[in-house]
Amino acid sequence: MSKKNNNRKSNVKSRRKWILTITFWSIFISGGFSFLSDLLLKNVNLLVAFVILALIITLGVVFDIIGVAVTAANETPFHAMASKKIKGAKIAINLIRNADKVSSFCNDVIGDICGIISGSVGMFISQKILIAFNNTNATFISVAIGALVASATICGKSTGKSFAMQNSNEIVAKVSRGLYLIVKDR
């Protein structure tokens, strides 16, 4: 076999492994988020439900920012930082070199899960409002909450993308310093 065929087989195997890994994490994270949000929302008032909703939307926006920043970041300054033994620089290089996977995880897995869960939390809030205020129009409430969730998510992600493109290296540096505290293999 030629070297080219070996590389193709290796790439196909690597992609399949990535797909299985991301599928597993998607199931695990979405199940965990759903369970946690259901558990938290069971006996809370409307104010707390709105706070939980805001946190879920914010989490999705933050991970979207990270995903975009990693794809837009420049690897060169992190090599200089790594040569000076600055904490997290090697992690930043790895993040940038694996930008497709990092972006997929941050934007698609976490971002999409947050979007789905924020929608279900929005429906929960609509139901709470309808129970609390008997004379309200169910259609109006569900449309208003749905529009609120969608606009907050879209506005946050749109603003976040611009911010991430303009500050990509700084964002990657902060994320990698945070990961440095968690990751054992440095």
C-alpha atoms as a PDB file:
ATOM      1  CA  MET A   1       0.000   0.000   0.000  1.00  0.00           C
ATOM      2  CA  SER A   2       1.120   3.493  -0.690  1.00  0.00           C
ATOM      3  CA  LYS A   3       1.678   6.116   1.942  1.00  0.00           C
ATOM      4  CA  LYS A   4      -1.220   8.145   0.497  1.00  0.00           C
ATOM      5  CA  ASN A   5      -3.694   5.264   1.008  1.00  0.00           C
ATOM      6  CA  ASN A   6      -2.479   4.748   4.578  1.00  0.00           C
ATOM      7  CA  ASN A   7      -3.037   8.443   5.327  1.00  0.00           C
ATOM      8  CA  ARG A   8      -6.568   8.304   3.857  1.00  0.00           C
ATOM      9  CA  LYS A   9      -7.456   5.239   5.922  1.00  0.00           C
ATOM     10  CA  SER A  10      -6.018   6.892   9.001  1.00  0.00           C
ATOM     11  CA  ASN A  11      -8.037  10.060   8.340  1.00  0.00           C
ATOM     12  CA  VAL A  12     -11.245   8.067   7.818  1.00  0.00           C
ATOM     13  CA  LYS A  13     -10.603   6.134  11.029  1.00  0.00           C
ATOM     14  CA  SER A  14      -9.877   9.379  12.889  1.00  0.00           C
ATOM     15  CA  ARG A  15     -13.096  10.989  11.591  1.00  0.00           C
ATOM     16  CA  ARG A  16     -15.157   7.948  12.587  1.00  0.00           C
ATOM     17  CA  LYS A  17     -13.627   8.021  16.056  1.00  0.00           C
ATOM     18  CA  TRP A  18     -14.394  11.747  16.330  1.00  0.00           C
ATOM     19  CA  ILE A  19     -18.005  11.206  15.238  1.00  0.00           C
ATOM     20  CA  LEU A  20     -18.471   8.462  17.840  1.00  0.00           C
ATOM     21  CA  THR A  21     -16.829  10.600  20.514  1.00  0.00           C
ATOM     22  CA  ILE A  22     -18.930  13.667  19.737  1.00  0.00           C
ATOM     23  CA  THR A  23     -22.093  11.548  19.604  1.00  0.00           C
ATOM     24  CA  PHE A  24     -21.352  10.110  23.040  1.00  0.00           C
ATOM     25  CA  TRP A  25     -20.631  13.535  24.518  1.00  0.00           C
ATOM     26  CA  SER A  26     -23.769  14.984  22.910  1.00  0.00           C
ATOM     27  CA  ILE A  27     -25.935  12.313  24.514  1.00  0.00           C
ATOM     28  CA  PHE A  28     -24.188  12.631  27.877  1.00  0.00           C
ATOM     29  CA  ILE A  29     -24.203  16.447  28.013  1.00  0.00           C
ATOM     30  CA  SER A  30     -27.736  16.916  26.668  1.00  0.00           C
ATOM     31  CA  GLY A  31     -29.085  14.299  29.067  1.00  0.00           C
ATOM     32  CA  GLY A  32     -27.255  15.939  31.959  1.00  0.00           C
ATOM     33  CA  PHE A  33     -28.425  19.442  31.039  1.00  0.00           C
ATOM     34  CA  SER A  34     -32.013  18.282  30.567  1.00  0.00           C
ATOM     35  CA  PHE A  35     -32.012  16.405  33.850  1.00  0.00           C
ATOM     36  CA  LEU A  36     -30.451  19.331  35.727  1.00  0.00           C
ATOM     37  CA  SER A  37     -32.807  21.915  34.238  1.00  0.00           C
ATOM     38  CA  ASP A  38     -35.866  19.732  34.973  1.00  0.00           C
ATOM     39  CA  LEU A  39     -34.635  19.155  38.516  1.00  0.00           C
ATOM     40  CA  LEU A  40     -33.988  22.868  39.099  1.00  0.00           C
ATOM     41  CA  LEU A  41     -37.246  24.037  37.527  1.00  0.00           C
ATOM     42  CA  LYS A  42     -39.667  21.717  39.337  1.00  0.00           C
ATOM     43  CA  ASN A  43     -40.337  23.888  42.364  1.00  0.00           C
ATOM     44  CA  VAL A  44     -39.076  27.362  41.472  1.00  0.00           C
ATOM     45  CA  ASN A  45     -40.919  30.614  40.983  1.00  0.00           C
ATOM     46  CA  LEU A  46     -40.996  32.555  37.723  1.00  0.00           C
ATOM     47  CA  LEU A  47     -38.085  34.825  38.613  1.00  0.00           C
ATOM     48  CA  VAL A  48     -35.762  31.892  39.290  1.00  0.00           C
ATOM     49  CA  ALA A  49     -36.976  30.180  36.095  1.00  0.00           C
ATOM     50  CA  PHE A  50     -36.077  33.307  34.097  1.00  0.00           C
ATOM     51  CA  VAL A  51     -32.636  33.401  35.773  1.00  0.00           C
ATOM     52  CA  ILE A  52     -32.054  29.744  34.829  1.00  0.00           C
ATOM     53  CA  LEU A  53     -33.161  30.531  31.274  1.00  0.00           C
ATOM     54  CA  ALA A  54     -30.748  33.475  31.108  1.00  0.00           C
ATOM     55  CA  LEU A  55     -27.899  31.283  32.382  1.00  0.00           C
ATOM     56  CA  ILE A  56     -28.587  28.619  29.758  1.00  0.00           C
ATOM     57  CA  ILE A  57     -28.680  31.202  26.953  1.00  0.00           C
ATOM     58  CA  THR A  58     -25.500  32.833  28.280  1.00  0.00           C
ATOM     59  CA  LEU A  59     -23.727  29.472  28.411  1.00  0.00           C
ATOM     60  CA  GLY A  60     -24.624  28.848  24.766  1.00  0.00           C
ATOM     61  CA  VAL A  61     -23.377  32.305  23.761  1.00  0.00           C
ATOM     62  CA  VAL A  62     -20.102  31.922  25.697  1.00  0.00           C
ATOM     63  CA  PHE A  63     -19.356  28.560  24.081  1.00  0.00           C
ATOM     64  CA  ASP A  64     -20.220  30.008  20.677  1.00  0.00           C
ATOM     65  CA  ILE A  65     -17.696  32.788  21.322  1.00  0.00           C
ATOM     66  CA  ILE A  66     -15.044  30.234  22.264  1.00  0.00           C
ATOM     67  CA  GLY A  67     -15.738  28.150  19.153  1.00  0.00           C
ATOM     68  CA  VAL A  68     -15.453  31.141  16.835  1.00  0.00           C
ATOM     69  CA  ALA A  69     -12.367  32.514  18.626  1.00  0.00           C
ATOM     70  CA  VAL A  70     -10.492  29.236  18.282  1.00  0.00           C
ATOM     71  CA  THR A  71     -11.142  29.136  14.533  1.00  0.00           C
ATOM     72  CA  ALA A  72     -10.041  32.760  14.102  1.00  0.00           C
ATOM     73  CA  ALA A  73      -7.002  32.729  16.422  1.00  0.00           C
ATOM     74  CA  ASN A  74      -3.415  32.897  15.228  1.00  0.00           C
ATOM     75  CA  GLU A  75      -1.130  30.142  16.492  1.00  0.00           C
ATOM     76  CA  THR A  76       2.141  32.132  16.221  1.00  0.00           C
ATOM     77  CA  PRO A  77       1.904  34.239  19.419  1.00  0.00           C
ATOM     78  CA  PHE A  78       1.206  31.113  21.444  1.00  0.00           C
ATOM     79  CA  HIS A  79       4.452  29.520  20.264  1.00  0.00           C
ATOM     80  CA  ALA A  80       6.289  32.547  21.647  1.00  0.00           C
ATOM     81  CA  MET A  81       4.349  32.208  24.898  1.00  0.00           C
ATOM     82  CA  ALA A  82       5.117  28.486  25.075  1.00  0.00           C
ATOM     83  CA  SER A  83       8.845  29.170  24.643  1.00  0.00           C
ATOM     84  CA  LYS A  84       8.595  31.502  27.649  1.00  0.00           C
ATOM     85  CA  LYS A  85       6.775  28.718  29.550  1.00  0.00           C
ATOM     86  CA  ILE A  86       3.614  30.790  29.994  1.00  0.00           C
ATOM     87  CA  LYS A  87       0.845  28.690  31.520  1.00  0.00           C
ATOM     88  CA  GLY A  88      -1.734  27.479  29.051  1.00  0.00           C
ATOM     89  CA  ALA A  89       0.214  28.329  25.892  1.00  0.00           C
ATOM     90  CA  LYS A  90       0.617  24.692  24.824  1.00  0.00           C
ATOM     91  CA  ILE A  91      -3.079  24.117  25.436  1.00  0.00           C
ATOM     92  CA  ALA A  92      -3.869  27.151  23.244  1.00  0.00           C
ATOM     93  CA  ILE A  93      -1.734  25.698  20.443  1.00  0.00           C
ATOM     94  CA  ASN A  94      -3.584  22.395  20.699  1.00  0.00           C
ATOM     95  CA  LEU A  95      -6.942  24.171  20.673  1.00  0.00           C
ATOM     96  CA  ILE A  96      -6.027  26.108  17.538  1.00  0.00           C
ATOM     97  CA  ARG A  97      -4.577  23.044  15.790  1.00  0.00           C
ATOM     98  CA  ASN A  98      -7.832  21.214  16.511  1.00  0.00           C
ATOM     99  CA  ALA A  99     -10.057  24.211  15.743  1.00  0.00           C
ATOM    100  CA  ASP A 100     -12.498  22.138  13.706  1.00  0.00           C
ATOM    101  CA  LYS A 101     -13.150  19.776  16.616  1.00  0.00           C
ATOM    102  CA  VAL A 102     -13.166  22.511  19.250  1.00  0.00           C
ATOM    103  CA  SER A 103     -15.551  24.609  17.180  1.00  0.00           C
ATOM    104  CA  SER A 104     -17.794  21.621  16.535  1.00  0.00           C
ATOM    105  CA  PHE A 105     -17.926  20.819  20.241  1.00  0.00           C
ATOM    106  CA  CYS A 106     -18.446  24.410  21.402  1.00  0.00           C
ATOM    107  CA  ASN A 107     -20.785  25.660  18.674  1.00  0.00           C
ATOM    108  CA  ASP A 108     -22.636  22.533  17.687  1.00  0.00           C
ATOM    109  CA  VAL A 109     -22.743  20.363  20.785  1.00  0.00           C
ATOM    110  CA  ILE A 110     -22.914  22.876  23.631  1.00  0.00           C
ATOM    111  CA  GLY A 111     -24.502  25.689  21.601  1.00  0.00           C
ATOM    112  CA  ASP A 112     -27.219  23.501  20.102  1.00  0.00           C
ATOM    113  CA  ILE A 113     -27.938  21.755  23.395  1.00  0.00           C
ATOM    114  CA  CYS A 114     -28.317  25.133  25.114  1.00  0.00           C
ATOM    115  CA  GLY A 115     -30.627  26.254  22.307  1.00  0.00           C
ATOM    116  CA  ILE A 116     -32.842  23.198  22.649  1.00  0.00           C
ATOM    117  CA  ILE A 117     -32.932  23.324  26.436  1.00  0.00           C
ATOM    118  CA  SER A 118     -33.611  27.065  26.468  1.00  0.00           C
ATOM    119  CA  GLY A 119     -36.626  26.364  24.253  1.00  0.00           C
ATOM    120  CA  SER A 120     -37.944  23.754  26.652  1.00  0.00           C
ATOM    121  CA  VAL A 121     -37.308  26.058  29.614  1.00  0.00           C
ATOM    122  CA  GLY A 122     -39.215  28.755  27.710  1.00  0.00           C
ATOM    123  CA  MET A 123     -42.165  26.369  27.348  1.00  0.00           C
ATOM    124  CA  PHE A 124     -41.951  25.590  31.062  1.00  0.00           C
ATOM    125  CA  ILE A 125     -42.047  29.323  31.839  1.00  0.00           C
ATOM    126  CA  SER A 126     -45.046  29.737  29.531  1.00  0.00           C
ATOM    127  CA  GLN A 127     -46.879  27.005  31.434  1.00  0.00           C
ATOM    128  CA  LYS A 128     -46.012  28.603  34.776  1.00  0.00           C
ATOM    129  CA  ILE A 129     -47.341  31.965  33.569  1.00  0.00           C
ATOM    130  CA  LEU A 130     -50.551  30.364  32.327  1.00  0.00           C
ATOM    131  CA  ILE A 131     -51.065  28.610  35.662  1.00  0.00           C
ATOM    132  CA  ALA A 132     -50.309  31.760  37.662  1.00  0.00           C
ATOM    133  CA  PHE A 133     -52.498  34.026  35.540  1.00  0.00           C
ATOM    134  CA  ASN A 134     -55.628  32.150  34.485  1.00  0.00           C
ATOM    135  CA  ASN A 135     -57.054  34.836  32.204  1.00  0.00           C
ATOM    136  CA  THR A 136     -54.042  35.111  29.893  1.00  0.00           C
ATOM    137  CA  ASN A 137     -53.999  34.166  26.232  1.00  0.00           C
ATOM    138  CA  ALA A 138     -52.000  30.917  25.891  1.00  0.00           C
ATOM    139  CA  THR A 139     -50.990  31.610  22.292  1.00  0.00           C
ATOM    140  CA  PHE A 140     -49.762  35.101  23.093  1.00  0.00           C
ATOM    141  CA  ILE A 141     -47.720  33.902  26.088  1.00  0.00           C
ATOM    142  CA  SER A 142     -46.062  31.002  24.243  1.00  0.00           C
ATOM    143  CA  VAL A 143     -45.273  33.187  21.207  1.00  0.00           C
ATOM    144  CA  ALA A 144     -43.910  35.988  23.407  1.00  0.00           C
ATOM    145  CA  ILE A 145     -41.670  33.666  25.437  1.00  0.00           C
ATOM    146  CA  GLY A 146     -40.503  31.860  22.275  1.00  0.00           C
ATOM    147  CA  ALA A 147     -39.671  35.179  20.627  1.00  0.00           C
ATOM    148  CA  LEU A 148     -37.836  36.341  23.762  1.00  0.00           C
ATOM    149  CA  VAL A 149     -35.720  33.165  23.888  1.00  0.00           C
ATOM    150  CA  ALA A 150     -34.950  33.260  20.163  1.00  0.00           C
ATOM    151  CA  SER A 151     -34.074  36.962  20.087  1.00  0.00           C
ATOM    152  CA  ALA A 152     -31.855  36.742  23.174  1.00  0.00           C
ATOM    153  CA  THR A 153     -30.009  33.766  21.695  1.00  0.00           C
ATOM    154  CA  ILE A 154     -29.618  35.285  18.230  1.00  0.00           C
ATOM    155  CA  CYS A 155     -28.597  38.709  19.531  1.00  0.00           C
ATOM    156  CA  GLY A 156     -26.130  37.196  21.994  1.00  0.00           C
ATOM    157  CA  LYS A 157     -24.537  34.914  19.410  1.00  0.00           C
ATOM    158  CA  SER A 158     -24.391  37.629  16.769  1.00  0.00           C
ATOM    159  CA  THR A 159     -22.709  40.067  19.136  1.00  0.00           C
ATOM    160  CA  GLY A 160     -20.492  37.278  20.455  1.00  0.00           C
ATOM    161  CA  LYS A 161     -19.265  36.292  16.996  1.00  0.00           C
ATOM    162  CA  SER A 162     -18.088  39.831  16.249  1.00  0.00           C
ATOM    163  CA  PHE A 163     -16.415  40.025  19.643  1.00  0.00           C
ATOM    164  CA  ALA A 164     -14.751  36.625  19.122  1.00  0.00           C
ATOM    165  CA  MET A 165     -13.387  37.575  15.690  1.00  0.00           C
ATOM    166  CA  GLN A 166     -11.891  40.814  17.014  1.00  0.00           C
ATOM    167  CA  ASN A 167     -10.455  39.325  20.234  1.00  0.00           C
ATOM    168  CA  SER A 168      -9.723  35.736  19.217  1.00  0.00           C
ATOM    169  CA  ASN A 169      -6.182  35.455  20.593  1.00  0.00           C
ATOM    170  CA  GLU A 170      -7.139  36.997  23.938  1.00  0.00           C
ATOM    171  CA  ILE A 171     -10.151  34.705  24.286  1.00  0.00           C
ATOM    172  CA  VAL A 172      -8.116  31.604  23.422  1.00  0.00           C
ATOM    173  CA  ALA A 173      -5.441  32.703  25.916  1.00  0.00           C
ATOM    174  CA  LYS A 174      -8.022  33.051  28.704  1.00  0.00           C
ATOM    175  CA  VAL A 175      -9.724  29.760  27.875  1.00  0.00           C
ATOM    176  CA  SER A 176      -6.400  27.930  27.735  1.00  0.00           C
ATOM    177  CA  ARG A 177      -5.321  29.414  31.090  1.00  0.00           C
ATOM    178  CA  GLY A 178      -8.621  28.198  32.553  1.00  0.00           C
ATOM    179  CA  LEU A 179      -8.142  24.753  31.037  1.00  0.00           C
ATOM    180  CA  TYR A 180      -4.574  24.718  32.387  1.00  0.00           C
ATOM    181  CA  LEU A 181      -6.028  24.681  35.907  1.00  0.00           C
ATOM    182  CA  ILE A 182      -8.217  21.678  35.039  1.00  0.00           C
ATOM    183  CA  VAL A 183      -6.148  19.574  32.640  1.00  0.00           C
ATOM    184  CA  LYS A 184      -3.525  17.384  34.274  1.00  0.00           C
ATOM    185  CA  ASP A 185      -1.399  16.796  31.171  1.00  0.00           C
ATOM    186  CA  ARG A 186       0.240  20.138  30.558  1.00  0.00           C
END
